[in-house]
Amino acid sequence: MSDVVVSDTSCLILLSKIEQLELLQDLFEKILITPEVAIEYSETLPEWIHISESNSKLIPELDHKLDSGEATSIRLAKEKRATLIFDELKGRRIAQQYNLKITGTLGILIKAKQLNRISTLKPLLDQLKDQGFRISNRLYNRALQLVNE
């Protein structure tokens, strides 16, 4: 993963709900979000999350395919050559068309476990599921396998 990431709203919300938002600061040098994502998040942001405008003229067709937070996040990641933190499947597929590096909330947690920033993954995955995060049994088990749990 790169030192600069652009996050969409879902990762911020999910990590906040399981009290792990600070993992972003711990894993990345700079975390960017767009003003649209800040509005969608609607909570007070930590000072280490930076709000940055995206170029609205870049990839204009995104406005017809995705909501404004998702579209602006893809644009900003493309502009900054940053990894995109994105959970929504449709948005991930569209972002892949623009050759962006993508991870999601699950990828963040796996990376945190691999770098010993969290002691165990399973309880956090269970908390995410309790919060409505959809994850197949196969992916759940694969994530645990990747971190030897």
Protein backbone atom coordinates (compact mmCIF):
# COMPACT_ATOMS: atom_id res chain seq x y z
CA MET A 1 0.00 0.00 0.00
CA SER A 2 1.15 3.51 -0.70
CA ASP A 3 1.97 6.21 1.79
CA VAL A 4 -0.93 8.34 0.54
CA VAL A 5 -4.48 6.99 0.49
CA VAL A 6 -7.86 8.36 -0.46
CA SER A 7 -10.73 6.98 1.58
CA ASP A 8 -14.36 6.72 0.70
CA THR A 9 -16.97 7.08 3.42
CA SER A 10 -17.66 3.43 4.23
CA CYS A 11 -14.19 2.71 5.59
CA LEU A 12 -14.31 5.75 7.86
CA ILE A 13 -17.73 4.78 9.19
CA LEU A 14 -16.87 1.12 9.70
CA LEU A 15 -13.54 1.74 11.41
CA SER A 16 -15.18 4.36 13.64
CA LYS A 17 -17.92 1.93 14.66
CA ILE A 18 -15.36 -0.64 15.78
CA GLU A 19 -13.15 2.05 17.34
CA GLN A 20 -10.24 1.46 14.96
CA LEU A 21 -10.19 4.67 12.89
CA GLU A 22 -6.69 5.48 14.15
CA LEU A 23 -5.36 2.50 12.20
CA LEU A 24 -5.45 4.70 9.11
CA GLN A 25 -3.06 7.14 10.73
CA ASP A 26 -0.91 4.29 11.94
CA LEU A 27 -0.65 2.63 8.51
CA PHE A 28 -0.42 5.58 6.13
CA GLU A 29 1.56 8.78 5.89
CA LYS A 30 -1.35 10.84 4.58
CA ILE A 31 -5.09 10.16 4.48
CA LEU A 32 -7.15 12.24 2.07
CA ILE A 33 -10.89 12.52 1.64
CA THR A 34 -13.00 14.78 -0.52
CA PRO A 35 -15.44 17.38 0.84
CA GLU A 36 -18.28 15.15 -0.35
CA VAL A 37 -16.97 12.26 1.76
CA ALA A 38 -16.60 14.58 4.77
CA ILE A 39 -20.27 15.54 4.40
CA GLU A 40 -21.35 11.89 4.04
CA TYR A 41 -19.29 10.91 7.10
CA SER A 42 -20.98 13.71 9.09
CA GLU A 43 -18.86 13.19 12.22
CA THR A 44 -15.98 15.32 13.44
CA LEU A 45 -12.86 14.28 11.58
CA PRO A 46 -9.52 13.79 13.29
CA GLU A 47 -6.97 16.44 12.36
CA TRP A 48 -4.84 13.88 10.54
CA ILE A 49 -7.50 13.28 7.88
CA HIS A 50 -7.07 15.92 5.20
CA ILE A 51 -9.88 17.21 3.01
CA SER A 52 -8.86 17.80 -0.59
CA GLU A 53 -10.91 18.85 -3.61
CA SER A 54 -10.89 16.61 -6.67
CA ASN A 55 -10.76 17.85 -10.25
CA SER A 56 -14.41 17.75 -11.35
CA LYS A 57 -13.33 17.74 -15.01
CA LEU A 58 -11.39 14.49 -14.58
CA ILE A 59 -13.42 11.44 -15.60
CA PRO A 60 -16.78 13.30 -15.83
CA GLU A 61 -18.69 10.10 -16.64
CA LEU A 62 -18.29 9.00 -13.01
CA ASP A 63 -21.06 11.42 -12.01
CA HIS A 64 -23.57 9.26 -13.89
CA LYS A 65 -22.33 5.96 -12.46
CA LEU A 66 -21.65 6.61 -8.76
CA ASP A 67 -22.70 8.83 -5.88
CA SER A 68 -20.73 12.03 -5.40
CA GLY A 69 -18.51 10.70 -2.59
CA GLU A 70 -17.48 7.67 -4.62
CA ALA A 71 -16.96 9.63 -7.85
CA THR A 72 -14.86 12.32 -6.19
CA SER A 73 -12.81 9.73 -4.30
CA ILE A 74 -11.89 7.96 -7.53
CA ARG A 75 -10.97 11.29 -9.14
CA LEU A 76 -8.80 12.33 -6.20
CA ALA A 77 -7.03 8.95 -6.06
CA LYS A 78 -6.33 9.21 -9.78
CA GLU A 79 -4.99 12.77 -9.44
CA LYS A 80 -2.78 11.97 -6.45
CA ARG A 81 -1.74 8.53 -7.70
CA ALA A 82 -2.91 7.27 -4.32
CA THR A 83 -4.32 3.97 -3.17
CA LEU A 84 -8.10 4.10 -2.95
CA ILE A 85 -9.85 2.68 0.12
CA PHE A 86 -13.17 1.53 -1.23
CA ASP A 87 -15.55 -1.19 -0.07
CA GLU A 88 -18.48 -0.97 -2.47
CA LEU A 89 -18.19 -3.58 -5.24
CA LYS A 90 -19.62 -1.51 -8.10
CA GLY A 91 -17.28 1.38 -7.27
CA ARG A 92 -14.28 -0.96 -6.99
CA ARG A 93 -15.00 -2.36 -10.45
CA ILE A 94 -15.24 1.11 -11.93
CA ALA A 95 -12.07 2.26 -10.13
CA GLN A 96 -10.17 -0.74 -11.52
CA GLN A 97 -10.92 0.52 -15.04
CA TYR A 98 -8.73 3.53 -14.22
CA ASN A 99 -5.81 1.38 -13.02
CA LEU A 100 -6.08 2.48 -9.41
CA LYS A 101 -4.63 0.52 -6.52
CA ILE A 102 -7.55 -0.41 -4.31
CA THR A 103 -7.94 -1.80 -0.84
CA GLY A 104 -10.89 -1.87 1.53
CA THR A 105 -11.70 -1.97 5.19
CA LEU A 106 -10.86 -5.65 5.28
CA GLY A 107 -7.50 -5.00 3.61
CA ILE A 108 -6.74 -2.30 6.17
CA LEU A 109 -7.43 -4.69 9.03
CA ILE A 110 -5.35 -7.48 7.46
CA LYS A 111 -2.45 -5.07 6.96
CA ALA A 112 -2.78 -3.86 10.55
CA LYS A 113 -2.59 -7.43 11.82
CA GLN A 114 0.38 -8.26 9.59
CA LEU A 115 2.22 -5.21 10.95
CA ASN A 116 1.27 -6.06 14.55
CA ARG A 117 -0.85 -2.91 14.94
CA ILE A 118 -3.70 -5.10 16.18
CA SER A 119 -3.28 -8.30 18.15
CA THR A 120 -6.10 -10.29 16.59
CA LEU A 121 -8.31 -9.95 13.52
CA LYS A 122 -11.27 -12.22 14.25
CA PRO A 123 -12.99 -10.10 16.92
CA LEU A 124 -12.80 -7.05 14.64
CA LEU A 125 -14.25 -8.99 11.71
CA ASP A 126 -17.08 -10.16 13.96
CA GLN A 127 -17.71 -6.58 15.08
CA LEU A 128 -17.81 -5.46 11.44
CA LYS A 129 -20.35 -8.17 10.65
CA ASP A 130 -22.43 -7.04 13.63
CA GLN A 131 -22.37 -3.53 12.13
CA GLY A 132 -23.81 -4.82 8.84
CA PHE A 133 -20.56 -5.30 6.90
CA ARG A 134 -21.25 -8.01 4.36
CA ILE A 135 -18.52 -10.56 3.95
CA SER A 136 -18.82 -14.06 2.56
CA ASN A 137 -17.78 -17.00 4.73
CA ARG A 138 -15.08 -17.78 2.16
CA LEU A 139 -13.58 -14.28 2.36
CA TYR A 140 -13.92 -14.20 6.15
CA ASN A 141 -12.02 -17.47 6.43
CA ARG A 142 -9.44 -16.40 3.84
CA ALA A 143 -8.73 -13.19 5.77
CA LEU A 144 -8.16 -15.15 8.96
CA GLN A 145 -5.94 -17.62 7.09
CA LEU A 146 -3.81 -14.76 5.71
CA VAL A 147 -3.00 -13.65 9.24
CA ASN A 148 -2.63 -17.16 10.68
CA GLU A 149 -5.74 -17.05 12.85
